[in-house]
Amino acid sequence: MVNPQDRVDTERFFEEHERIEALLEELETAFSKRDRPPSEVIRLLSELPVHLEAHFAFEEAGRYFDEGMLRAPHLQPKADKILAEHSLLVDAAKALAKDAAEDDQSSPEWWARVRDRFWAVKNDLSRHEHAENDLVQEAYIQDLGARD
């Protein structure tokens, strides 16, 4: 039987993931169109670490990886490495928002500097999410294969 709290937590996890994706898309659009004032872009950038912390907190609470890792404990070192990236990703997002706010927003180079750093953070997040997905799939595929 599924614990109702697990269902609520899982829904919240995926909702937070969707919010992060929507925020990243909104930032991509802002950088490509440059149709928003820098203060609005900074506000959006400041939201990113907040959402990342909430998203990663769920994973670190053990619910996201635990079930699969119980079935494939040899994958735990990979899971530990992925979990260790969380603080680095949050720190990078915080530094991006802080530096964007402190930088001279009237400078013509501001958009290019902030955009380039945003893309670096976004690419790191994408790589991280792919590694998580691959790990979970590996754990479940090995489990299914062992039962066949």
Protein backbone atom coordinates (compact mmCIF):
# COMPACT_ATOMS: atom_id res chain seq x y z
CA MET A 1 0.00 0.00 0.00
CA VAL A 2 1.26 3.46 -0.90
CA ASN A 3 1.75 5.84 1.99
CA PRO A 4 -0.37 8.97 1.31
CA GLN A 5 2.47 11.19 2.53
CA ASP A 6 4.82 9.60 -0.02
CA ARG A 7 2.33 10.44 -2.76
CA VAL A 8 2.12 14.08 -1.57
CA ASP A 9 5.92 14.32 -1.34
CA THR A 10 6.34 12.82 -4.81
CA GLU A 11 3.79 15.22 -6.29
CA ARG A 12 5.55 18.14 -4.61
CA PHE A 13 8.89 16.89 -5.99
CA PHE A 14 7.60 16.82 -9.56
CA GLU A 15 5.81 20.17 -9.16
CA GLU A 16 9.06 21.74 -7.99
CA HIS A 17 10.87 20.16 -10.92
CA GLU A 18 8.31 21.68 -13.30
CA ARG A 19 8.72 25.10 -11.64
CA ILE A 20 12.48 24.90 -12.15
CA GLU A 21 12.02 23.97 -15.82
CA ALA A 22 9.54 26.84 -16.34
CA LEU A 23 11.89 29.28 -14.62
CA LEU A 24 14.82 28.17 -16.78
CA GLU A 25 12.71 28.60 -19.91
CA GLU A 26 11.61 32.05 -18.77
CA LEU A 27 15.23 33.03 -18.22
CA GLU A 28 16.25 31.64 -21.61
CA THR A 29 13.57 33.77 -23.23
CA ALA A 30 14.62 36.84 -21.27
CA PHE A 31 18.22 36.44 -22.40
CA SER A 32 17.35 35.75 -26.02
CA LYS A 33 14.85 38.62 -26.37
CA ARG A 34 16.33 41.07 -23.87
CA ASP A 35 12.80 42.38 -23.46
CA ARG A 36 12.88 42.67 -19.67
CA PRO A 37 14.72 45.07 -17.44
CA PRO A 38 17.81 43.67 -15.72
CA SER A 39 16.04 43.96 -12.35
CA GLU A 40 13.41 41.47 -13.53
CA VAL A 41 16.09 39.07 -14.78
CA ILE A 42 17.87 39.37 -11.42
CA ARG A 43 14.62 38.60 -9.61
CA LEU A 44 14.19 35.46 -11.73
CA LEU A 45 17.81 34.45 -11.17
CA SER A 46 17.27 34.90 -7.41
CA GLU A 47 14.34 32.47 -7.50
CA LEU A 48 16.45 29.69 -9.01
CA PRO A 49 18.50 28.72 -5.93
CA VAL A 50 15.36 28.79 -3.78
CA HIS A 51 13.64 26.26 -6.04
CA LEU A 52 16.79 24.18 -6.37
CA GLU A 53 17.15 23.96 -2.60
CA ALA A 54 13.55 22.74 -2.24
CA HIS A 55 13.98 20.23 -5.05
CA PHE A 56 17.27 18.89 -3.76
CA ALA A 57 16.00 18.72 -0.16
CA PHE A 58 13.50 16.08 -1.27
CA GLU A 59 16.23 14.01 -2.88
CA GLU A 60 18.52 14.39 0.12
CA ALA A 61 15.73 13.31 2.47
CA GLY A 62 16.28 9.90 0.95
CA ARG A 63 13.00 9.33 -0.79
CA TYR A 64 14.12 9.76 -4.37
CA PHE A 65 17.06 7.39 -4.45
CA ASP A 66 16.44 5.05 -1.53
CA GLU A 67 14.08 2.56 -3.11
CA GLY A 68 16.26 2.02 -6.16
CA MET A 69 19.46 1.98 -4.14
CA LEU A 70 18.05 -0.68 -1.84
CA ARG A 71 17.69 -2.86 -4.90
CA ALA A 72 21.11 -1.96 -6.29
CA PRO A 73 23.39 -1.01 -3.37
CA HIS A 74 26.48 -1.17 -5.59
CA LEU A 75 25.19 2.06 -7.18
CA GLN A 76 25.35 3.96 -3.87
CA PRO A 77 28.74 5.58 -4.66
CA LYS A 78 27.21 7.07 -7.84
CA ALA A 79 24.21 8.28 -5.83
CA ASP A 80 26.50 9.84 -3.22
CA LYS A 81 28.43 11.69 -5.94
CA ILE A 82 25.20 13.03 -7.46
CA LEU A 83 23.88 14.12 -4.07
CA ALA A 84 27.16 15.90 -3.32
CA GLU A 85 26.65 18.07 -6.42
CA HIS A 86 23.52 19.65 -4.94
CA SER A 87 25.30 22.20 -2.78
CA LEU A 88 27.63 23.11 -5.64
CA LEU A 89 24.70 23.72 -7.99
CA VAL A 90 22.83 25.81 -5.43
CA ASP A 91 25.99 27.81 -4.67
CA ALA A 92 26.55 28.45 -8.39
CA ALA A 93 22.96 29.68 -8.80
CA LYS A 94 23.28 31.94 -5.73
CA ALA A 95 26.58 33.37 -6.97
CA LEU A 96 25.08 34.04 -10.39
CA ALA A 97 22.14 35.96 -8.92
CA LYS A 98 24.37 37.89 -6.50
CA ASP A 99 26.93 38.82 -9.13
CA ALA A 100 24.24 39.83 -11.63
CA ALA A 101 22.72 42.14 -9.02
CA GLU A 102 26.07 43.66 -8.05
CA ASP A 103 27.37 44.06 -11.60
CA ASP A 104 26.82 47.30 -13.55
CA GLN A 105 23.48 46.62 -15.20
CA SER A 106 23.81 49.70 -17.41
CA SER A 107 26.91 48.21 -19.01
CA PRO A 108 26.31 46.81 -22.50
CA GLU A 109 28.36 43.76 -21.53
CA TRP A 110 26.07 42.92 -18.58
CA TRP A 111 23.66 40.87 -20.70
CA ALA A 112 26.43 38.80 -22.29
CA ARG A 113 28.25 38.15 -19.01
CA VAL A 114 25.13 37.15 -17.11
CA ARG A 115 23.76 35.11 -20.04
CA ASP A 116 27.01 33.15 -20.38
CA ARG A 117 27.06 32.33 -16.67
CA PHE A 118 23.37 31.40 -16.78
CA TRP A 119 24.05 28.95 -19.62
CA ALA A 120 26.91 27.41 -17.65
CA VAL A 121 24.65 26.89 -14.61
CA LYS A 122 21.83 25.59 -16.80
CA ASN A 123 24.15 23.14 -18.55
CA ASP A 124 25.47 21.88 -15.21
CA LEU A 125 21.89 21.40 -13.98
CA SER A 126 20.95 19.54 -17.15
CA ARG A 127 23.95 17.25 -16.88
CA HIS A 128 23.11 16.63 -13.22
CA GLU A 129 19.46 15.79 -13.95
CA HIS A 130 20.51 13.38 -16.71
CA ALA A 131 22.92 11.66 -14.33
CA GLU A 132 20.13 11.29 -11.76
CA ASN A 133 17.74 9.88 -14.31
CA ASP A 134 20.36 7.47 -15.62
CA LEU A 135 21.13 6.28 -12.10
CA VAL A 136 17.49 5.65 -11.23
CA GLN A 137 16.93 3.83 -14.52
CA GLU A 138 20.03 1.73 -13.97
CA ALA A 139 18.82 0.75 -10.50
CA TYR A 140 15.36 -0.21 -11.72
CA ILE A 141 16.53 -1.94 -14.90
CA GLN A 142 18.94 -4.09 -12.93
CA ASP A 143 16.19 -4.88 -10.46
CA LEU A 144 13.77 -5.86 -13.20
CA GLY A 145 16.42 -7.93 -14.92
CA ALA A 146 17.17 -9.80 -11.71
CA ARG A 147 13.50 -10.74 -11.37
CA ASP A 148 13.00 -11.97 -14.94
